[in-house]
Amino acid sequence: MQSLPAPPSTASQAARTRPSSAPSRQSTTAPRIESRHLLHGARELVIEHLGGEYRLRLTRNDKLILTK
């Protein structure tokens, strides 16, 4: 009996479907900032972006939620 070839890995599938103009994750490093530096002791802040307002909230469970 002949065996079937192994299916391609998820990583190789993603590499084939990724647009060629997209930068790879390894080549770019996003700036980092600690949430406490953004919040300055508050539980919520408003971020203005392209004319819209977004709220970044710190929950009772210390999770961050970003809403429009």
C-alpha atoms as a PDB file:
ATOM      1  CA  MET A   1       0.000   0.000   0.000  1.00  0.00           C
ATOM      2  CA  GLN A   2       1.276   3.455  -0.878  1.00  0.00           C
ATOM      3  CA  SER A   3       1.448   6.103   1.873  1.00  0.00           C
ATOM      4  CA  LEU A   4       0.107   9.609   1.390  1.00  0.00           C
ATOM      5  CA  PRO A   5       2.505  12.560   1.569  1.00  0.00           C
ATOM      6  CA  ALA A   6       2.477  14.480   4.835  1.00  0.00           C
ATOM      7  CA  PRO A   7       0.379  17.668   4.799  1.00  0.00           C
ATOM      8  CA  PRO A   8       2.380  20.914   4.786  1.00  0.00           C
ATOM      9  CA  SER A   9       3.015  22.476   8.167  1.00  0.00           C
ATOM     10  CA  THR A  10       0.965  25.462   9.299  1.00  0.00           C
ATOM     11  CA  ALA A  11       4.072  27.663   9.186  1.00  0.00           C
ATOM     12  CA  SER A  12       4.785  26.818   5.570  1.00  0.00           C
ATOM     13  CA  GLN A  13       1.129  27.419   4.646  1.00  0.00           C
ATOM     14  CA  ALA A  14       1.258  30.829   6.303  1.00  0.00           C
ATOM     15  CA  ALA A  15       4.465  31.691   4.469  1.00  0.00           C
ATOM     16  CA  ARG A  16       2.810  30.927   1.137  1.00  0.00           C
ATOM     17  CA  THR A  17      -0.307  32.994   1.891  1.00  0.00           C
ATOM     18  CA  ARG A  18       1.519  36.006   3.344  1.00  0.00           C
ATOM     19  CA  PRO A  19       1.779  38.941   0.934  1.00  0.00           C
ATOM     20  CA  SER A  20       5.330  39.382  -0.308  1.00  0.00           C
ATOM     21  CA  SER A  21       5.344  43.057   0.699  1.00  0.00           C
ATOM     22  CA  ALA A  22       4.676  42.261   4.377  1.00  0.00           C
ATOM     23  CA  PRO A  23       7.758  42.560   6.599  1.00  0.00           C
ATOM     24  CA  SER A  24       8.797  39.429   8.433  1.00  0.00           C
ATOM     25  CA  ARG A  25       8.381  39.355  12.188  1.00  0.00           C
ATOM     26  CA  GLN A  26      12.089  38.840  12.679  1.00  0.00           C
ATOM     27  CA  SER A  27      13.130  41.952  10.761  1.00  0.00           C
ATOM     28  CA  THR A  28      11.052  44.472  12.735  1.00  0.00           C
ATOM     29  CA  THR A  29      10.839  45.097  16.449  1.00  0.00           C
ATOM     30  CA  ALA A  30       7.889  47.035  17.816  1.00  0.00           C
ATOM     31  CA  PRO A  31       8.599  49.676  20.442  1.00  0.00           C
ATOM     32  CA  ARG A  32       7.674  48.580  23.990  1.00  0.00           C
ATOM     33  CA  ILE A  33       6.190  50.592  26.809  1.00  0.00           C
ATOM     34  CA  GLU A  34       4.906  49.360  30.143  1.00  0.00           C
ATOM     35  CA  SER A  35       1.186  49.869  30.702  1.00  0.00           C
ATOM     36  CA  ARG A  36       1.847  51.622  34.022  1.00  0.00           C
ATOM     37  CA  HIS A  37       3.734  54.336  32.101  1.00  0.00           C
ATOM     38  CA  LEU A  38       0.702  54.874  29.874  1.00  0.00           C
ATOM     39  CA  LEU A  39      -1.898  54.793  32.636  1.00  0.00           C
ATOM     40  CA  HIS A  40       0.017  56.829  35.264  1.00  0.00           C
ATOM     41  CA  GLY A  41      -1.952  55.161  38.078  1.00  0.00           C
ATOM     42  CA  ALA A  42      -5.342  55.595  36.392  1.00  0.00           C
ATOM     43  CA  ARG A  43      -7.634  52.706  35.442  1.00  0.00           C
ATOM     44  CA  GLU A  44      -8.564  54.185  32.046  1.00  0.00           C
ATOM     45  CA  LEU A  45      -7.161  56.481  29.383  1.00  0.00           C
ATOM     46  CA  VAL A  46      -8.402  57.879  26.087  1.00  0.00           C
ATOM     47  CA  ILE A  47      -6.293  57.482  22.956  1.00  0.00           C
ATOM     48  CA  GLU A  48      -7.029  59.801  20.040  1.00  0.00           C
ATOM     49  CA  HIS A  49      -6.356  58.219  16.652  1.00  0.00           C
ATOM     50  CA  LEU A  50      -7.342  59.625  13.249  1.00  0.00           C
ATOM     51  CA  GLY A  51     -10.172  61.651  14.727  1.00  0.00           C
ATOM     52  CA  GLY A  52     -11.578  58.772  16.779  1.00  0.00           C
ATOM     53  CA  GLU A  53     -11.393  58.054  20.478  1.00  0.00           C
ATOM     54  CA  TYR A  54     -10.329  54.710  21.912  1.00  0.00           C
ATOM     55  CA  ARG A  55     -10.431  53.776  25.595  1.00  0.00           C
ATOM     56  CA  LEU A  56      -7.756  51.636  27.188  1.00  0.00           C
ATOM     57  CA  ARG A  57      -9.087  50.202  30.452  1.00  0.00           C
ATOM     58  CA  LEU A  58      -7.416  48.196  33.171  1.00  0.00           C
ATOM     59  CA  THR A  59      -9.864  45.628  34.587  1.00  0.00           C
ATOM     60  CA  ARG A  60     -10.169  44.341  38.148  1.00  0.00           C
ATOM     61  CA  ASN A  61      -8.277  41.246  36.961  1.00  0.00           C
ATOM     62  CA  ASP A  62      -5.391  43.391  35.645  1.00  0.00           C
ATOM     63  CA  LYS A  63      -6.277  42.753  31.995  1.00  0.00           C
ATOM     64  CA  LEU A  64      -6.199  45.493  29.369  1.00  0.00           C
ATOM     65  CA  ILE A  65      -9.216  46.180  27.157  1.00  0.00           C
ATOM     66  CA  LEU A  66      -9.118  48.559  24.183  1.00  0.00           C
ATOM     67  CA  THR A  67     -12.519  49.737  22.914  1.00  0.00           C
ATOM     68  CA  LYS A  68     -13.687  52.310  20.414  1.00  0.00           C
END
